[in-house]
Amino acid sequence: MSETPPETPDFDAMTRDIAEVPAVEVIVTVAVNLMSAAAVKLGLTEEGDAHKDLDEARKLVHALAGLLDASATEISSFHAAPLRDGLKSLQLAFREASLVPDDPGQGPGEKYTGPVYG
């Protein structure tokens, strides 16, 4: 029995597809992916602590805050407001999950958002 070789991706079609996506949609999609990954690393999913890793969560939350700060003038408040709310929730969850909480203004992403208090 012969196996069929794996199909190679159609990069031309992928390029055309991404060319049709508005920049705001790309930014929001990346932000949502960062939020989801951070939630997993904070142990906020159904699996709970199975994937909890605060060091990884810190990096993801910080990257999300940087992305939102950098794109604030590029995306409308319609898109930005819920993303900022999600970011703040993740920052608070990080603070609660930490055995030794960071000083105010020193938590993940607080360089961009300012101090987050519970």
N, C-alpha and C. Protein backbone atom coordinates (compact mmCIF):
# COMPACT_ATOMS: atom_id res chain seq x y z
N MET A 1 0.83 -1.18 0.00
CA MET A 1 0.00 0.00 0.00
C MET A 1 0.88 1.24 0.00
N SER A 2 0.55 2.12 -0.86
CA SER A 2 1.35 3.35 -0.93
C SER A 2 0.61 4.49 -0.23
N GLU A 3 1.40 5.30 0.42
CA GLU A 3 0.83 6.46 1.10
C GLU A 3 0.86 7.64 0.14
N THR A 4 -0.14 8.48 0.25
CA THR A 4 -0.13 9.68 -0.57
C THR A 4 0.78 10.71 0.09
N PRO A 5 1.56 11.38 -0.71
CA PRO A 5 2.46 12.39 -0.13
C PRO A 5 1.64 13.53 0.49
N PRO A 6 2.18 14.15 1.53
CA PRO A 6 1.44 15.25 2.14
C PRO A 6 1.28 16.40 1.15
N GLU A 7 0.13 17.03 1.23
CA GLU A 7 -0.12 18.16 0.34
C GLU A 7 0.67 19.37 0.80
N THR A 8 1.23 20.07 -0.17
CA THR A 8 1.93 21.30 0.18
C THR A 8 0.90 22.43 0.24
N PRO A 9 1.07 23.33 1.18
CA PRO A 9 0.12 24.43 1.28
C PRO A 9 0.15 25.29 0.03
N ASP A 10 -0.97 25.84 -0.32
CA ASP A 10 -1.07 26.74 -1.46
C ASP A 10 -0.74 28.16 -0.96
N PHE A 11 0.54 28.50 -0.96
CA PHE A 11 0.97 29.79 -0.41
C PHE A 11 0.41 30.97 -1.19
N ASP A 12 0.20 30.80 -2.48
CA ASP A 12 -0.38 31.90 -3.26
C ASP A 12 -1.80 32.19 -2.78
N ALA A 13 -2.58 31.13 -2.54
CA ALA A 13 -3.94 31.32 -2.05
C ALA A 13 -3.94 31.92 -0.64
N MET A 14 -2.99 31.47 0.19
CA MET A 14 -2.90 32.00 1.56
C MET A 14 -2.56 33.49 1.52
N THR A 15 -1.67 33.88 0.61
CA THR A 15 -1.30 35.29 0.48
C THR A 15 -2.49 36.11 0.02
N ARG A 16 -3.25 35.60 -0.93
CA ARG A 16 -4.44 36.31 -1.38
C ARG A 16 -5.44 36.43 -0.25
N ASP A 17 -5.60 35.37 0.54
CA ASP A 17 -6.56 35.40 1.64
C ASP A 17 -6.18 36.45 2.67
N ILE A 18 -4.93 36.49 3.07
CA ILE A 18 -4.49 37.44 4.09
C ILE A 18 -4.54 38.87 3.55
N ALA A 19 -4.35 39.03 2.26
CA ALA A 19 -4.41 40.36 1.65
C ALA A 19 -5.80 40.95 1.74
N GLU A 20 -6.80 40.10 1.85
CA GLU A 20 -8.19 40.57 1.90
C GLU A 20 -8.65 40.88 3.32
N VAL A 21 -7.84 40.56 4.32
CA VAL A 21 -8.24 40.75 5.72
C VAL A 21 -7.81 42.15 6.17
N PRO A 22 -8.74 42.93 6.71
CA PRO A 22 -8.37 44.26 7.20
C PRO A 22 -7.38 44.17 8.38
N ALA A 23 -6.51 45.15 8.48
CA ALA A 23 -5.49 45.16 9.53
C ALA A 23 -6.12 45.07 10.92
N VAL A 24 -7.24 45.75 11.13
CA VAL A 24 -7.90 45.72 12.44
C VAL A 24 -8.26 44.29 12.82
N GLU A 25 -8.73 43.53 11.85
CA GLU A 25 -9.11 42.15 12.11
C GLU A 25 -7.89 41.30 12.48
N VAL A 26 -6.78 41.53 11.83
CA VAL A 26 -5.55 40.81 12.15
C VAL A 26 -5.11 41.15 13.56
N ILE A 27 -5.10 42.43 13.91
CA ILE A 27 -4.69 42.87 15.26
C ILE A 27 -5.60 42.26 16.32
N VAL A 28 -6.90 42.31 16.11
CA VAL A 28 -7.84 41.76 17.08
C VAL A 28 -7.66 40.25 17.22
N THR A 29 -7.44 39.56 16.12
CA THR A 29 -7.25 38.11 16.16
C THR A 29 -5.99 37.75 16.95
N VAL A 30 -4.92 38.48 16.72
CA VAL A 30 -3.68 38.23 17.46
C VAL A 30 -3.91 38.51 18.94
N ALA A 31 -4.60 39.59 19.26
CA ALA A 31 -4.88 39.93 20.66
C ALA A 31 -5.70 38.85 21.34
N VAL A 32 -6.72 38.35 20.66
CA VAL A 32 -7.55 37.29 21.24
C VAL A 32 -6.74 36.01 21.45
N ASN A 33 -5.85 35.70 20.51
CA ASN A 33 -4.98 34.53 20.68
C ASN A 33 -4.06 34.70 21.88
N LEU A 34 -3.50 35.88 22.06
CA LEU A 34 -2.66 36.15 23.23
C LEU A 34 -3.47 36.03 24.52
N MET A 35 -4.69 36.55 24.50
CA MET A 35 -5.55 36.46 25.68
C MET A 35 -5.87 35.01 26.02
N SER A 36 -6.19 34.24 25.03
CA SER A 36 -6.52 32.83 25.25
C SER A 36 -5.34 32.06 25.80
N ALA A 37 -4.17 32.29 25.22
CA ALA A 37 -2.97 31.60 25.69
C ALA A 37 -2.63 32.01 27.12
N ALA A 38 -2.78 33.29 27.43
CA ALA A 38 -2.51 33.77 28.79
C ALA A 38 -3.49 33.15 29.78
N ALA A 39 -4.75 33.04 29.41
CA ALA A 39 -5.74 32.43 30.30
C ALA A 39 -5.38 30.98 30.61
N VAL A 40 -4.92 30.26 29.61
CA VAL A 40 -4.49 28.88 29.83
C VAL A 40 -3.31 28.84 30.79
N LYS A 41 -2.33 29.69 30.56
CA LYS A 41 -1.12 29.70 31.40
C LYS A 41 -1.41 30.22 32.81
N LEU A 42 -2.52 30.94 32.99
CA LEU A 42 -2.91 31.39 34.32
C LEU A 42 -3.78 30.36 35.04
N GLY A 43 -4.11 29.27 34.35
CA GLY A 43 -4.92 28.23 34.96
C GLY A 43 -6.39 28.58 35.01
N LEU A 44 -6.87 29.42 34.09
CA LEU A 44 -8.25 29.88 34.09
C LEU A 44 -9.17 29.04 33.22
N THR A 45 -8.68 27.93 32.69
CA THR A 45 -9.50 27.08 31.84
C THR A 45 -10.09 25.94 32.65
N GLU A 46 -10.88 25.11 32.00
CA GLU A 46 -11.49 23.97 32.68
C GLU A 46 -10.46 23.02 33.26
N GLU A 47 -9.30 22.92 32.61
CA GLU A 47 -8.24 22.05 33.11
C GLU A 47 -7.56 22.62 34.35
N GLY A 48 -7.83 23.88 34.64
CA GLY A 48 -7.28 24.52 35.83
C GLY A 48 -5.77 24.60 35.81
N ASP A 49 -5.17 24.08 36.86
CA ASP A 49 -3.73 24.20 37.06
C ASP A 49 -2.89 23.26 36.17
N ALA A 50 -3.52 22.44 35.36
CA ALA A 50 -2.77 21.47 34.55
C ALA A 50 -1.74 22.16 33.65
N HIS A 51 -2.05 23.35 33.16
CA HIS A 51 -1.14 24.05 32.24
C HIS A 51 -0.65 25.38 32.84
N LYS A 52 -0.86 25.56 34.11
CA LYS A 52 -0.50 26.83 34.75
C LYS A 52 1.02 27.04 34.73
N ASP A 53 1.42 28.22 34.27
CA ASP A 53 2.83 28.58 34.21
C ASP A 53 2.88 30.11 34.24
N LEU A 54 3.12 30.66 35.42
CA LEU A 54 3.05 32.11 35.58
C LEU A 54 4.15 32.84 34.82
N ASP A 55 5.30 32.21 34.64
CA ASP A 55 6.35 32.85 33.87
C ASP A 55 5.91 33.04 32.42
N GLU A 56 5.31 32.02 31.86
CA GLU A 56 4.80 32.11 30.49
C GLU A 56 3.62 33.08 30.42
N ALA A 57 2.76 33.05 31.41
CA ALA A 57 1.61 33.96 31.45
C ALA A 57 2.08 35.41 31.48
N ARG A 58 3.12 35.69 32.26
CA ARG A 58 3.65 37.05 32.34
C ARG A 58 4.07 37.55 30.96
N LYS A 59 4.74 36.72 30.20
CA LYS A 59 5.21 37.11 28.86
C LYS A 59 4.02 37.39 27.93
N LEU A 60 3.02 36.53 28.00
CA LEU A 60 1.86 36.70 27.12
C LEU A 60 1.06 37.95 27.47
N VAL A 61 0.85 38.19 28.76
CA VAL A 61 0.10 39.38 29.19
C VAL A 61 0.88 40.64 28.82
N HIS A 62 2.18 40.61 29.00
CA HIS A 62 3.01 41.76 28.65
C HIS A 62 2.94 42.03 27.14
N ALA A 63 3.02 40.99 26.34
CA ALA A 63 2.93 41.14 24.89
C ALA A 63 1.57 41.69 24.48
N LEU A 64 0.51 41.20 25.11
CA LEU A 64 -0.83 41.69 24.82
C LEU A 64 -0.93 43.18 25.14
N ALA A 65 -0.43 43.58 26.29
CA ALA A 65 -0.48 44.99 26.68
C ALA A 65 0.30 45.85 25.69
N GLY A 66 1.45 45.37 25.25
CA GLY A 66 2.24 46.11 24.27
C GLY A 66 1.52 46.26 22.94
N LEU A 67 0.90 45.17 22.50
CA LEU A 67 0.15 45.21 21.25
C LEU A 67 -1.01 46.21 21.35
N LEU A 68 -1.75 46.15 22.44
CA LEU A 68 -2.89 47.05 22.59
C LEU A 68 -2.44 48.50 22.71
N ASP A 69 -1.34 48.73 23.39
CA ASP A 69 -0.82 50.09 23.51
C ASP A 69 -0.38 50.61 22.14
N ALA A 70 0.33 49.79 21.41
CA ALA A 70 0.84 50.20 20.10
C ALA A 70 -0.26 50.40 19.07
N SER A 71 -1.34 49.66 19.20
CA SER A 71 -2.40 49.73 18.19
C SER A 71 -3.59 50.57 18.63
N ALA A 72 -3.49 51.23 19.76
CA ALA A 72 -4.63 51.99 20.32
C ALA A 72 -5.19 53.01 19.34
N THR A 73 -4.32 53.67 18.61
CA THR A 73 -4.81 54.68 17.66
C THR A 73 -5.25 54.08 16.34
N GLU A 74 -4.96 52.81 16.14
CA GLU A 74 -5.28 52.17 14.86
C GLU A 74 -6.60 51.41 14.87
N ILE A 75 -7.03 50.99 16.06
CA ILE A 75 -8.29 50.25 16.13
C ILE A 75 -9.32 51.10 16.88
N SER A 76 -10.55 50.96 16.51
CA SER A 76 -11.60 51.79 17.12
C SER A 76 -11.85 51.36 18.56
N SER A 77 -12.50 52.24 19.32
CA SER A 77 -12.83 51.90 20.70
C SER A 77 -13.81 50.73 20.74
N PHE A 78 -14.56 50.52 19.66
CA PHE A 78 -15.45 49.36 19.57
C PHE A 78 -14.66 48.07 19.74
N HIS A 79 -13.47 48.01 19.16
CA HIS A 79 -12.60 46.84 19.27
C HIS A 79 -11.71 46.92 20.51
N ALA A 80 -11.22 48.11 20.80
CA ALA A 80 -10.22 48.27 21.86
C ALA A 80 -10.81 48.08 23.26
N ALA A 81 -12.00 48.55 23.51
CA ALA A 81 -12.57 48.51 24.86
C ALA A 81 -12.67 47.10 25.42
N PRO A 82 -13.25 46.14 24.69
CA PRO A 82 -13.32 44.79 25.26
C PRO A 82 -11.95 44.14 25.40
N LEU A 83 -11.02 44.49 24.52
CA LEU A 83 -9.67 43.94 24.64
C LEU A 83 -8.97 44.49 25.89
N ARG A 84 -9.15 45.78 26.15
CA ARG A 84 -8.57 46.38 27.36
C ARG A 84 -9.19 45.77 28.61
N ASP A 85 -10.51 45.52 28.58
CA ASP A 85 -11.17 44.87 29.72
C ASP A 85 -10.61 43.47 29.94
N GLY A 86 -10.42 42.73 28.87
CA GLY A 86 -9.84 41.39 28.98
C GLY A 86 -8.43 41.43 29.52
N LEU A 87 -7.65 42.40 29.06
CA LEU A 87 -6.28 42.56 29.54
C LEU A 87 -6.28 42.83 31.04
N LYS A 88 -7.14 43.74 31.48
CA LYS A 88 -7.19 44.06 32.91
C LYS A 88 -7.58 42.83 33.72
N SER A 89 -8.52 42.05 33.23
CA SER A 89 -8.92 40.82 33.92
C SER A 89 -7.75 39.84 34.04
N LEU A 90 -6.97 39.72 32.98
CA LEU A 90 -5.80 38.85 33.02
C LEU A 90 -4.75 39.38 33.99
N GLN A 91 -4.56 40.69 34.00
CA GLN A 91 -3.60 41.27 34.93
C GLN A 91 -4.02 41.03 36.38
N LEU A 92 -5.31 41.17 36.66
CA LEU A 92 -5.82 40.91 38.01
C LEU A 92 -5.68 39.44 38.36
N ALA A 93 -5.98 38.56 37.41
CA ALA A 93 -5.84 37.12 37.65
C ALA A 93 -4.38 36.77 37.92
N PHE A 94 -3.47 37.41 37.20
CA PHE A 94 -2.05 37.17 37.44
C PHE A 94 -1.67 37.59 38.85
N ARG A 95 -2.13 38.76 39.26
CA ARG A 95 -1.83 39.27 40.59
C ARG A 95 -2.35 38.32 41.66
N GLU A 96 -3.56 37.81 41.47
CA GLU A 96 -4.16 36.88 42.43
C GLU A 96 -3.44 35.54 42.46
N ALA A 97 -2.94 35.10 41.32
CA ALA A 97 -2.28 33.79 41.23
C ALA A 97 -0.85 33.82 41.77
N SER A 98 -0.27 35.00 41.86
CA SER A 98 1.12 35.12 42.29
C SER A 98 1.24 34.94 43.79
N LEU A 99 2.21 34.11 44.20
CA LEU A 99 2.46 33.93 45.63
C LEU A 99 3.02 35.21 46.23
N VAL A 100 3.88 35.88 45.49
CA VAL A 100 4.42 37.17 45.91
C VAL A 100 4.06 38.17 44.82
N PRO A 101 2.97 38.90 45.02
CA PRO A 101 2.53 39.83 43.96
C PRO A 101 3.56 40.91 43.66
N ASP A 102 3.59 41.32 42.41
CA ASP A 102 4.46 42.41 42.00
C ASP A 102 3.98 43.70 42.66
N ASP A 103 4.90 44.63 42.82
CA ASP A 103 4.52 45.96 43.30
C ASP A 103 3.60 46.60 42.27
N PRO A 104 2.70 47.48 42.69
CA PRO A 104 1.84 48.18 41.72
C PRO A 104 2.68 48.85 40.65
N GLY A 105 2.30 48.64 39.40
CA GLY A 105 3.01 49.19 38.26
C GLY A 105 4.12 48.30 37.73
N GLN A 106 4.40 47.20 38.44
CA GLN A 106 5.48 46.30 38.03
C GLN A 106 4.96 44.97 37.48
N GLY A 107 3.66 44.76 37.49
CA GLY A 107 3.07 43.52 36.99
C GLY A 107 3.16 43.45 35.48
N PRO A 108 2.77 42.31 34.92
CA PRO A 108 2.86 42.15 33.47
C PRO A 108 1.99 43.17 32.73
N GLY A 109 2.60 43.87 31.82
CA GLY A 109 1.89 44.84 31.00
C GLY A 109 1.62 46.17 31.66
N GLU A 110 1.90 46.29 32.95
CA GLU A 110 1.60 47.53 33.66
C GLU A 110 2.50 48.68 33.20
N LYS A 111 3.58 48.34 32.55
CA LYS A 111 4.45 49.36 31.93
C LYS A 111 3.63 50.15 30.92
N TYR A 112 2.66 49.49 30.28
CA TYR A 112 1.84 50.11 29.25
C TYR A 112 0.51 50.61 29.79
N THR A 113 -0.05 49.94 30.78
CA THR A 113 -1.40 50.26 31.24
C THR A 113 -1.43 51.08 32.51
N GLY A 114 -0.31 51.14 33.21
CA GLY A 114 -0.29 51.75 34.53
C GLY A 114 -0.68 50.68 35.55
N PRO A 115 -0.57 51.01 36.84
CA PRO A 115 -0.85 50.03 37.89
C PRO A 115 -2.28 49.48 37.81
N VAL A 116 -2.41 48.20 38.11
CA VAL A 116 -3.72 47.55 38.15
C VAL A 116 -3.96 47.12 39.58
N TYR A 117 -5.07 47.56 40.14
CA TYR A 117 -5.42 47.23 41.51
C TYR A 117 -6.65 46.35 41.52
N GLY A 118 -6.71 45.42 42.48
CA GLY A 118 -7.85 44.50 42.59
C GLY A 118 -9.03 45.05 43.16
